[in-house]
N, C-alpha and C. Protein backbone atom coordinates (compact mmCIF):
# COMPACT_ATOMS: atom_id res chain seq x y z
N MET A 1 27.96 162.25 140.38
CA MET A 1 29.02 163.12 140.88
C MET A 1 29.95 162.31 141.77
N ASP A 2 31.22 162.49 141.61
CA ASP A 2 32.22 161.76 142.38
C ASP A 2 32.28 162.35 143.78
N SER A 3 32.08 161.52 144.79
CA SER A 3 32.06 162.00 146.16
C SER A 3 33.40 161.82 146.86
N GLN A 4 34.44 161.38 146.16
CA GLN A 4 35.74 161.19 146.79
C GLN A 4 36.35 162.53 147.15
N ALA A 5 37.08 162.54 148.24
CA ALA A 5 37.80 163.74 148.64
C ALA A 5 38.93 164.00 147.64
N PRO A 6 39.26 165.27 147.44
CA PRO A 6 40.33 165.60 146.49
C PRO A 6 41.65 164.89 146.81
N ALA A 7 42.00 164.77 148.08
CA ALA A 7 43.26 164.10 148.45
C ALA A 7 43.24 162.63 148.06
N GLU A 8 42.10 161.98 148.22
CA GLU A 8 41.96 160.57 147.85
C GLU A 8 42.06 160.40 146.34
N ARG A 9 41.43 161.31 145.59
CA ARG A 9 41.52 161.25 144.13
C ARG A 9 42.96 161.45 143.66
N ARG A 10 43.66 162.41 144.27
CA ARG A 10 45.06 162.65 143.90
C ARG A 10 45.91 161.42 144.20
N SER A 11 45.65 160.79 145.34
CA SER A 11 46.40 159.59 145.71
C SER A 11 46.16 158.46 144.70
N ARG A 12 44.90 158.26 144.32
CA ARG A 12 44.58 157.24 143.33
C ARG A 12 45.20 157.57 141.98
N LEU A 13 45.17 158.85 141.59
CA LEU A 13 45.77 159.26 140.32
C LEU A 13 47.28 159.02 140.36
N ARG A 14 47.92 159.37 141.47
CA ARG A 14 49.37 159.15 141.60
C ARG A 14 49.69 157.65 141.51
N GLN A 15 48.93 156.83 142.19
CA GLN A 15 49.15 155.37 142.14
C GLN A 15 48.97 154.86 140.71
N TYR A 16 47.96 155.36 140.03
CA TYR A 16 47.72 154.95 138.64
C TYR A 16 48.89 155.38 137.76
N GLN A 17 49.38 156.61 137.94
CA GLN A 17 50.49 157.09 137.13
C GLN A 17 51.76 156.27 137.37
N VAL A 18 52.01 155.89 138.62
CA VAL A 18 53.18 155.05 138.92
C VAL A 18 53.05 153.70 138.23
N GLN A 19 51.86 153.09 138.30
CA GLN A 19 51.64 151.81 137.63
C GLN A 19 51.81 151.95 136.12
N LEU A 20 51.29 153.03 135.56
CA LEU A 20 51.41 153.27 134.13
C LEU A 20 52.87 153.44 133.73
N LEU A 21 53.63 154.19 134.52
CA LEU A 21 55.04 154.38 134.23
C LEU A 21 55.79 153.05 134.27
N GLU A 22 55.52 152.22 135.27
CA GLU A 22 56.17 150.90 135.36
C GLU A 22 55.85 150.05 134.14
N ARG A 23 54.61 150.07 133.72
CA ARG A 23 54.22 149.26 132.56
C ARG A 23 54.83 149.80 131.27
N MET A 24 54.91 151.12 131.16
CA MET A 24 55.51 151.70 129.95
C MET A 24 57.00 151.38 129.90
N GLN A 25 57.69 151.43 131.05
CA GLN A 25 59.10 151.09 131.09
C GLN A 25 59.31 149.61 130.76
N ALA A 26 58.43 148.76 131.25
CA ALA A 26 58.52 147.33 130.94
C ALA A 26 58.27 147.09 129.46
N ALA A 27 57.34 147.84 128.88
CA ALA A 27 57.05 147.69 127.45
C ALA A 27 58.25 148.09 126.62
N ARG A 28 58.94 149.16 127.02
CA ARG A 28 60.12 149.61 126.27
C ARG A 28 61.25 148.60 126.36
N SER A 29 61.35 147.91 127.51
CA SER A 29 62.44 146.95 127.67
C SER A 29 62.09 145.58 127.09
N GLY A 30 60.85 145.42 126.63
CA GLY A 30 60.44 144.15 126.04
C GLY A 30 59.93 143.15 127.06
N ALA A 31 59.82 143.57 128.33
CA ALA A 31 59.41 142.65 129.39
C ALA A 31 57.90 142.56 129.54
N ALA A 32 57.18 143.47 128.94
CA ALA A 32 55.72 143.50 129.10
C ALA A 32 55.04 142.58 128.10
N VAL A 33 53.89 142.08 128.51
CA VAL A 33 53.06 141.31 127.60
C VAL A 33 52.38 142.31 126.69
N GLY A 34 52.41 142.08 125.39
CA GLY A 34 51.83 143.01 124.43
C GLY A 34 50.34 143.15 124.59
N GLY A 35 49.79 144.15 123.96
CA GLY A 35 48.35 144.31 123.93
C GLY A 35 47.77 145.14 125.04
N ARG A 36 48.58 145.83 125.81
CA ARG A 36 48.04 146.74 126.83
C ARG A 36 47.87 148.11 126.21
N GLU A 37 46.73 148.68 126.44
CA GLU A 37 46.38 149.97 125.86
C GLU A 37 45.84 150.88 126.95
N LEU A 38 45.94 152.17 126.71
CA LEU A 38 45.34 153.14 127.60
C LEU A 38 44.01 153.56 127.00
N GLY A 39 42.94 153.40 127.77
CA GLY A 39 41.62 153.82 127.32
C GLY A 39 41.41 155.29 127.64
N VAL A 40 40.95 156.04 126.64
CA VAL A 40 40.66 157.46 126.82
C VAL A 40 39.33 157.78 126.13
N LEU A 41 38.77 158.89 126.50
CA LEU A 41 37.54 159.37 125.87
C LEU A 41 37.89 160.58 125.02
N LEU A 42 37.58 160.50 123.72
CA LEU A 42 37.85 161.57 122.76
C LEU A 42 36.57 161.88 122.00
N GLY A 43 36.10 163.10 122.09
CA GLY A 43 34.87 163.48 121.37
C GLY A 43 33.69 162.62 121.76
N GLY A 44 33.68 162.15 123.00
CA GLY A 44 32.60 161.31 123.49
C GLY A 44 32.72 159.85 123.09
N HIS A 45 33.84 159.47 122.43
CA HIS A 45 34.04 158.09 121.97
C HIS A 45 35.21 157.43 122.69
N PRO A 46 35.03 156.20 123.16
CA PRO A 46 36.14 155.49 123.80
C PRO A 46 37.21 155.11 122.76
N CYS A 47 38.45 155.41 123.09
CA CYS A 47 39.57 155.13 122.19
C CYS A 47 40.69 154.45 122.97
N LEU A 48 41.54 153.75 122.24
CA LEU A 48 42.69 153.05 122.81
C LEU A 48 43.97 153.65 122.27
N LEU A 49 44.96 153.83 123.16
CA LEU A 49 46.28 154.32 122.78
C LEU A 49 47.31 153.28 123.22
N ASP A 50 48.21 152.92 122.32
CA ASP A 50 49.29 151.98 122.62
C ASP A 50 50.21 152.60 123.66
N LEU A 51 50.48 151.89 124.75
CA LEU A 51 51.32 152.43 125.82
C LEU A 51 52.73 152.76 125.35
N THR A 52 53.22 152.07 124.34
CA THR A 52 54.57 152.35 123.87
C THR A 52 54.64 153.63 123.03
N GLN A 53 53.49 154.18 122.67
CA GLN A 53 53.46 155.40 121.85
C GLN A 53 53.16 156.66 122.66
N ILE A 54 52.97 156.50 123.95
CA ILE A 54 52.70 157.67 124.79
C ILE A 54 53.79 157.80 125.85
N SER A 55 53.95 159.02 126.34
CA SER A 55 54.98 159.25 127.33
C SER A 55 54.39 159.42 128.72
N GLU A 56 53.47 160.35 128.87
CA GLU A 56 52.89 160.56 130.19
C GLU A 56 51.51 161.19 130.09
N ILE A 57 50.82 161.15 131.22
CA ILE A 57 49.51 161.77 131.37
C ILE A 57 49.69 162.94 132.33
N VAL A 58 49.29 164.12 131.89
CA VAL A 58 49.42 165.29 132.76
C VAL A 58 48.07 165.99 132.86
N PRO A 59 47.84 166.66 133.98
CA PRO A 59 46.58 167.41 134.11
C PRO A 59 46.49 168.48 133.02
N LEU A 60 45.28 168.79 132.64
CA LEU A 60 45.05 169.83 131.64
C LEU A 60 45.60 171.14 132.15
N GLN A 61 46.33 171.81 131.30
CA GLN A 61 46.84 173.13 131.61
C GLN A 61 46.60 174.02 130.42
N PRO A 62 46.52 175.31 130.63
CA PRO A 62 46.21 176.21 129.53
C PRO A 62 47.29 176.18 128.45
N ALA A 63 46.84 176.24 127.21
CA ALA A 63 47.76 176.33 126.08
C ALA A 63 47.72 177.76 125.56
N THR A 64 48.89 178.27 125.21
CA THR A 64 48.96 179.61 124.62
C THR A 64 48.65 179.50 123.14
N PRO A 65 47.59 180.17 122.67
CA PRO A 65 47.24 180.07 121.26
C PRO A 65 48.36 180.56 120.35
N VAL A 66 48.47 179.95 119.20
CA VAL A 66 49.45 180.34 118.20
C VAL A 66 48.66 180.91 117.01
N PRO A 67 48.96 182.13 116.62
CA PRO A 67 48.20 182.74 115.51
C PRO A 67 48.35 181.95 114.20
N LEU A 68 47.31 182.03 113.39
CA LEU A 68 47.29 181.44 112.04
C LEU A 68 47.50 179.93 112.04
N THR A 69 46.86 179.25 113.01
CA THR A 69 46.90 177.79 113.05
C THR A 69 45.48 177.23 112.96
N GLN A 70 45.40 175.97 112.66
CA GLN A 70 44.11 175.28 112.56
C GLN A 70 43.37 175.35 113.90
N ASP A 71 42.04 175.25 113.87
CA ASP A 71 41.26 175.34 115.11
C ASP A 71 41.50 174.15 116.03
N TRP A 72 41.95 173.02 115.50
CA TRP A 72 42.22 171.84 116.32
C TRP A 72 43.58 171.91 117.00
N TYR A 73 44.42 172.85 116.58
CA TYR A 73 45.71 173.06 117.23
C TYR A 73 45.48 174.08 118.33
N LEU A 74 45.46 173.63 119.57
CA LEU A 74 45.07 174.49 120.69
C LEU A 74 46.16 175.45 121.12
N GLY A 75 47.40 175.17 120.73
CA GLY A 75 48.50 176.07 121.07
C GLY A 75 49.65 175.32 121.72
N LEU A 76 50.47 176.08 122.45
CA LEU A 76 51.65 175.53 123.10
C LEU A 76 51.50 175.61 124.61
N THR A 77 52.03 174.60 125.29
CA THR A 77 52.06 174.61 126.74
C THR A 77 53.42 174.09 127.19
N ASN A 78 53.78 174.40 128.41
CA ASN A 78 55.06 173.96 128.97
C ASN A 78 54.82 172.72 129.81
N ILE A 79 55.36 171.60 129.37
CA ILE A 79 55.26 170.35 130.12
C ILE A 79 56.67 169.92 130.50
N ARG A 80 56.95 170.00 131.77
CA ARG A 80 58.26 169.62 132.31
C ARG A 80 59.42 170.32 131.60
N GLY A 81 59.24 171.62 131.32
CA GLY A 81 60.29 172.41 130.72
C GLY A 81 60.39 172.31 129.21
N HIS A 82 59.45 171.64 128.56
CA HIS A 82 59.46 171.51 127.11
C HIS A 82 58.19 172.14 126.54
N LEU A 83 58.36 173.00 125.53
CA LEU A 83 57.20 173.53 124.84
C LEU A 83 56.57 172.40 124.03
N THR A 84 55.31 172.17 124.25
CA THR A 84 54.61 171.05 123.64
C THR A 84 53.35 171.56 122.95
N GLY A 85 53.16 171.16 121.69
CA GLY A 85 51.95 171.50 120.97
C GLY A 85 50.78 170.67 121.48
N VAL A 86 49.62 171.29 121.61
CA VAL A 86 48.43 170.60 122.12
C VAL A 86 47.40 170.47 121.00
N ILE A 87 46.96 169.23 120.78
CA ILE A 87 46.04 168.90 119.70
C ILE A 87 44.71 168.43 120.29
N ASP A 88 43.62 168.95 119.75
CA ASP A 88 42.28 168.45 120.07
C ASP A 88 41.93 167.47 118.95
N LEU A 89 42.16 166.18 119.18
CA LEU A 89 41.97 165.18 118.14
C LEU A 89 40.51 165.04 117.73
N ALA A 90 39.59 165.24 118.65
CA ALA A 90 38.17 165.18 118.30
C ALA A 90 37.85 166.26 117.26
N ARG A 91 38.34 167.45 117.48
CA ARG A 91 38.14 168.55 116.54
C ARG A 91 38.84 168.25 115.21
N TYR A 92 40.03 167.66 115.29
CA TYR A 92 40.78 167.29 114.08
C TYR A 92 39.95 166.34 113.21
N LEU A 93 39.20 165.46 113.86
CA LEU A 93 38.35 164.50 113.16
C LEU A 93 37.00 165.09 112.76
N GLY A 94 36.77 166.35 113.10
CA GLY A 94 35.51 166.99 112.76
C GLY A 94 34.38 166.65 113.72
N GLN A 95 34.73 166.14 114.89
CA GLN A 95 33.73 165.79 115.90
C GLN A 95 33.62 166.92 116.91
N GLY A 96 32.50 166.96 117.57
CA GLY A 96 32.31 167.96 118.61
C GLY A 96 33.04 167.57 119.87
N ALA A 97 33.21 168.54 120.72
CA ALA A 97 33.84 168.28 122.01
C ALA A 97 32.88 167.47 122.89
N GLY A 98 33.43 166.66 123.71
CA GLY A 98 32.63 165.88 124.66
C GLY A 98 32.12 166.78 125.77
N ASP A 99 31.35 166.20 126.66
CA ASP A 99 30.75 167.00 127.72
C ASP A 99 31.42 166.80 129.08
N SER A 100 32.66 166.34 129.08
CA SER A 100 33.34 166.12 130.36
C SER A 100 33.71 167.45 131.00
N ALA A 101 33.80 167.42 132.32
CA ALA A 101 34.19 168.61 133.07
C ALA A 101 35.68 168.88 132.84
N PRO A 102 36.07 170.15 132.82
CA PRO A 102 37.49 170.47 132.63
C PRO A 102 38.41 169.75 133.63
N ALA A 103 37.93 169.48 134.83
CA ALA A 103 38.76 168.80 135.84
C ALA A 103 39.10 167.37 135.43
N GLU A 104 38.30 166.76 134.56
CA GLU A 104 38.54 165.38 134.11
C GLU A 104 39.47 165.31 132.91
N ARG A 105 39.66 166.41 132.20
CA ARG A 105 40.47 166.41 130.98
C ARG A 105 41.94 166.27 131.32
N ARG A 106 42.66 165.63 130.39
CA ARG A 106 44.09 165.40 130.56
C ARG A 106 44.80 165.64 129.25
N LEU A 107 46.12 165.77 129.34
CA LEU A 107 46.99 165.82 128.17
C LEU A 107 47.80 164.53 128.16
N ILE A 108 47.82 163.87 127.01
CA ILE A 108 48.61 162.64 126.82
C ILE A 108 49.75 163.00 125.88
N THR A 109 50.97 162.96 126.39
CA THR A 109 52.11 163.33 125.56
C THR A 109 52.58 162.15 124.72
N PHE A 110 53.07 162.46 123.53
CA PHE A 110 53.59 161.43 122.62
C PHE A 110 54.94 160.94 123.12
N ALA A 111 55.24 159.69 122.88
CA ALA A 111 56.54 159.11 123.23
C ALA A 111 57.63 159.81 122.42
N PRO A 112 58.79 160.08 123.02
CA PRO A 112 59.88 160.72 122.29
C PRO A 112 60.29 159.97 121.03
N ALA A 113 60.14 158.65 121.02
CA ALA A 113 60.53 157.86 119.85
C ALA A 113 59.74 158.24 118.60
N LEU A 114 58.56 158.83 118.77
CA LEU A 114 57.76 159.23 117.61
C LEU A 114 58.31 160.49 116.95
N GLY A 115 59.18 161.22 117.64
CA GLY A 115 59.79 162.40 117.07
C GLY A 115 58.82 163.54 116.81
N PHE A 116 57.76 163.61 117.60
CA PHE A 116 56.73 164.63 117.41
C PHE A 116 56.36 165.16 118.78
N ASN A 117 56.80 166.34 119.11
CA ASN A 117 56.62 166.89 120.44
C ASN A 117 55.24 167.51 120.59
N CYS A 118 54.26 166.65 120.89
CA CYS A 118 52.92 167.19 121.11
C CYS A 118 52.16 166.32 122.10
N ALA A 119 51.00 166.80 122.45
CA ALA A 119 50.12 166.10 123.39
C ALA A 119 48.69 166.16 122.86
N LEU A 120 47.95 165.11 123.13
CA LEU A 120 46.53 165.08 122.80
C LEU A 120 45.74 165.50 124.01
N GLN A 121 44.76 166.35 123.80
CA GLN A 121 43.82 166.66 124.88
C GLN A 121 42.74 165.60 124.85
N VAL A 122 42.53 164.92 125.96
CA VAL A 122 41.48 163.91 126.05
C VAL A 122 40.48 164.34 127.10
N GLU A 123 39.24 163.91 126.92
CA GLU A 123 38.18 164.30 127.86
C GLU A 123 38.33 163.61 129.20
N ARG A 124 38.79 162.37 129.13
CA ARG A 124 38.89 161.58 130.36
C ARG A 124 39.80 160.38 130.10
N VAL A 125 40.57 159.99 131.10
CA VAL A 125 41.36 158.77 131.04
C VAL A 125 40.49 157.66 131.63
N LEU A 126 40.33 156.57 130.88
CA LEU A 126 39.43 155.48 131.29
C LEU A 126 40.17 154.28 131.87
N GLY A 127 41.50 154.32 131.88
CA GLY A 127 42.28 153.24 132.48
C GLY A 127 42.87 152.29 131.45
N LEU A 128 43.58 151.30 131.97
CA LEU A 128 44.25 150.33 131.10
C LEU A 128 43.28 149.28 130.60
N ARG A 129 43.51 148.83 129.37
CA ARG A 129 42.70 147.79 128.74
C ARG A 129 43.64 146.77 128.11
N LYS A 130 43.20 145.52 128.05
CA LYS A 130 43.97 144.46 127.41
C LYS A 130 43.29 144.08 126.11
N LEU A 131 44.02 144.18 125.01
CA LEU A 131 43.45 143.80 123.72
C LEU A 131 43.08 142.32 123.70
N ALA A 132 43.82 141.50 124.45
CA ALA A 132 43.55 140.06 124.48
C ALA A 132 42.16 139.76 125.04
N GLU A 133 41.61 140.67 125.80
CA GLU A 133 40.28 140.49 126.38
C GLU A 133 39.18 141.12 125.53
N MET A 134 39.55 141.60 124.34
CA MET A 134 38.59 142.26 123.46
C MET A 134 38.46 141.48 122.16
N GLN A 135 37.35 141.69 121.50
CA GLN A 135 37.12 141.12 120.17
C GLN A 135 37.42 142.18 119.13
N GLN A 136 38.19 141.81 118.11
CA GLN A 136 38.44 142.78 117.04
C GLN A 136 37.18 142.87 116.19
N ALA A 137 36.75 144.09 115.94
CA ALA A 137 35.56 144.35 115.13
C ALA A 137 36.01 144.66 113.71
N PRO A 138 35.10 144.62 112.75
CA PRO A 138 35.48 144.98 111.37
C PRO A 138 36.07 146.39 111.32
N ALA A 139 37.08 146.56 110.50
CA ALA A 139 37.74 147.86 110.35
C ALA A 139 36.77 148.87 109.76
N ASP A 140 36.94 150.11 110.15
CA ASP A 140 36.16 151.21 109.60
C ASP A 140 36.90 151.70 108.36
N ASP A 141 36.52 151.19 107.19
CA ASP A 141 37.24 151.50 105.95
C ASP A 141 37.13 152.97 105.56
N GLY A 142 36.16 153.69 106.10
CA GLY A 142 36.02 155.11 105.79
C GLY A 142 36.90 155.99 106.65
N ALA A 143 37.52 155.42 107.67
CA ALA A 143 38.35 156.20 108.59
C ALA A 143 39.80 156.22 108.09
N PRO A 144 40.57 157.22 108.52
CA PRO A 144 42.00 157.24 108.17
C PRO A 144 42.69 155.98 108.71
N ALA A 145 43.81 155.61 108.09
CA ALA A 145 44.52 154.39 108.46
C ALA A 145 44.90 154.34 109.94
N TRP A 146 45.16 155.49 110.55
CA TRP A 146 45.61 155.53 111.93
C TRP A 146 44.49 155.29 112.95
N CYS A 147 43.25 155.23 112.50
CA CYS A 147 42.16 154.97 113.45
C CYS A 147 41.11 154.02 112.88
N ARG A 148 41.53 153.11 112.02
CA ARG A 148 40.59 152.14 111.43
C ARG A 148 40.27 150.97 112.35
N GLN A 149 41.26 150.55 113.15
CA GLN A 149 41.06 149.37 113.98
C GLN A 149 40.00 149.63 115.04
N GLN A 150 39.09 148.66 115.18
CA GLN A 150 38.04 148.77 116.18
C GLN A 150 37.96 147.48 116.98
N PHE A 151 37.59 147.62 118.23
CA PHE A 151 37.48 146.48 119.14
C PHE A 151 36.21 146.61 119.94
N SER A 152 35.80 145.50 120.51
CA SER A 152 34.62 145.47 121.38
C SER A 152 35.02 144.75 122.66
N ASP A 153 34.68 145.33 123.81
CA ASP A 153 35.04 144.68 125.07
C ASP A 153 33.94 143.71 125.51
N ALA A 154 34.14 143.08 126.64
CA ALA A 154 33.20 142.06 127.14
C ALA A 154 31.81 142.64 127.41
N ASP A 155 31.72 143.94 127.65
CA ASP A 155 30.44 144.59 127.90
C ASP A 155 29.77 145.07 126.62
N GLY A 156 30.42 144.82 125.47
CA GLY A 156 29.87 145.26 124.19
C GLY A 156 30.21 146.69 123.82
N GLN A 157 31.05 147.34 124.62
CA GLN A 157 31.47 148.71 124.34
C GLN A 157 32.44 148.72 123.16
N ALA A 158 32.19 149.57 122.19
CA ALA A 158 33.07 149.69 121.02
C ALA A 158 34.22 150.65 121.34
N TRP A 159 35.42 150.27 120.89
CA TRP A 159 36.63 151.06 121.10
C TRP A 159 37.33 151.26 119.77
N ARG A 160 37.81 152.45 119.52
CA ARG A 160 38.60 152.74 118.32
C ARG A 160 40.06 152.87 118.75
N ARG A 161 40.94 152.13 118.06
CA ARG A 161 42.36 152.16 118.40
C ARG A 161 43.05 153.22 117.55
N ILE A 162 43.79 154.11 118.21
CA ILE A 162 44.49 155.18 117.52
C ILE A 162 45.98 154.86 117.49
N ASP A 163 46.53 154.80 116.28
CA ASP A 163 47.94 154.52 116.10
C ASP A 163 48.66 155.86 115.92
N LEU A 164 49.29 156.33 116.98
CA LEU A 164 49.94 157.64 116.94
C LEU A 164 51.12 157.67 115.96
N ALA A 165 51.80 156.55 115.78
CA ALA A 165 52.92 156.49 114.83
C ALA A 165 52.43 156.75 113.41
N GLN A 166 51.25 156.25 113.06
CA GLN A 166 50.69 156.53 111.73
C GLN A 166 50.11 157.94 111.66
N LEU A 167 49.54 158.41 112.77
CA LEU A 167 48.96 159.76 112.80
C LEU A 167 50.01 160.82 112.50
N VAL A 168 51.19 160.71 113.09
CA VAL A 168 52.21 161.75 112.88
C VAL A 168 52.73 161.75 111.45
N LEU A 169 52.49 160.68 110.70
CA LEU A 169 52.91 160.63 109.30
C LEU A 169 51.91 161.30 108.37
N GLU A 170 50.71 161.55 108.86
CA GLU A 170 49.69 162.18 108.04
C GLU A 170 50.05 163.65 107.82
N SER A 171 50.15 164.07 106.57
CA SER A 171 50.63 165.43 106.27
C SER A 171 49.73 166.51 106.87
N ARG A 172 48.44 166.31 106.87
CA ARG A 172 47.53 167.32 107.44
C ARG A 172 47.82 167.53 108.93
N PHE A 173 48.17 166.45 109.64
CA PHE A 173 48.43 166.53 111.07
C PHE A 173 49.70 167.33 111.36
N SER A 174 50.69 167.19 110.50
CA SER A 174 51.96 167.87 110.75
C SER A 174 51.98 169.31 110.24
N HIS A 175 50.94 169.74 109.54
CA HIS A 175 50.86 171.11 109.04
C HIS A 175 49.72 171.85 109.75
N VAL A 176 50.07 172.45 110.87
CA VAL A 176 49.04 173.09 111.68
C VAL A 176 48.72 174.51 111.24
N GLY A 177 49.54 175.08 110.37
CA GLY A 177 49.34 176.46 109.94
C GLY A 177 48.20 176.60 108.96
N LEU A 178 47.62 177.79 108.93
CA LEU A 178 46.56 178.13 107.97
C LEU A 178 47.22 178.65 106.70
N VAL A 179 47.50 177.78 105.79
CA VAL A 179 48.17 178.16 104.54
C VAL A 179 47.20 178.92 103.65
N GLY A 180 47.60 180.11 103.23
CA GLY A 180 46.80 180.89 102.27
C GLY A 180 45.53 181.49 102.83
N LYS A 181 45.32 181.47 104.17
CA LYS A 181 44.07 181.99 104.73
C LYS A 181 44.28 183.31 105.46
N TYR A 182 45.41 183.94 105.28
CA TYR A 182 45.65 185.20 106.01
C TYR A 182 45.88 186.34 105.10
C-alpha cells in the first residue's frame, strides 16, 4: 500500500505530467531522441505507447455508456471540453481486466494527428521507458500487427509495444456499434 500523502502524490503526478508534456513537445519538434515510450499496464500486461502517438494522461472519469456498442467501448466522456470515446483495450483483446484499484487507472488520449478522438483506459501508468535500453524480443506472429512488437527490459520484464497509428486503421476498432445484434 502506498503510504504517500495525497498532496505529495498529486505533486509527483503533476511533475511527471509536466515532464511528459515537455518530452512530447520535443518529440513533435524533432528535438527529442527517438525511442522514448510510455509504460502502461493493460489487462495485467506491461505495454509501451509511443509518446508521439498520445496526447495526455488524465485521471479516470466516468464514461457515459452508448447504447448498442461493443462491450470494450466504455462510452463517452468529456476531456477538456471534447467528447472522447473511451476504449478498454484489454477487453478489446479478449483479456480480463487487471486488478488495479480505480484510483490508479488513467485515460490516455490519442494524439490529434491520428485523427481518432478517443482514449485508452489503462490500469496504471508505469512511467517512461527507453527502447534503446531494451532488447527486442521475437515478434508475436499470432497478435495483430499493431501489437506484435515485443521487448524485454534489463530486469527481464516483457513489454508489448502498441502502435496506435496501426490500431486506428483496424476496421474492428473503428466500428464500435453492434451491427445486426439489436
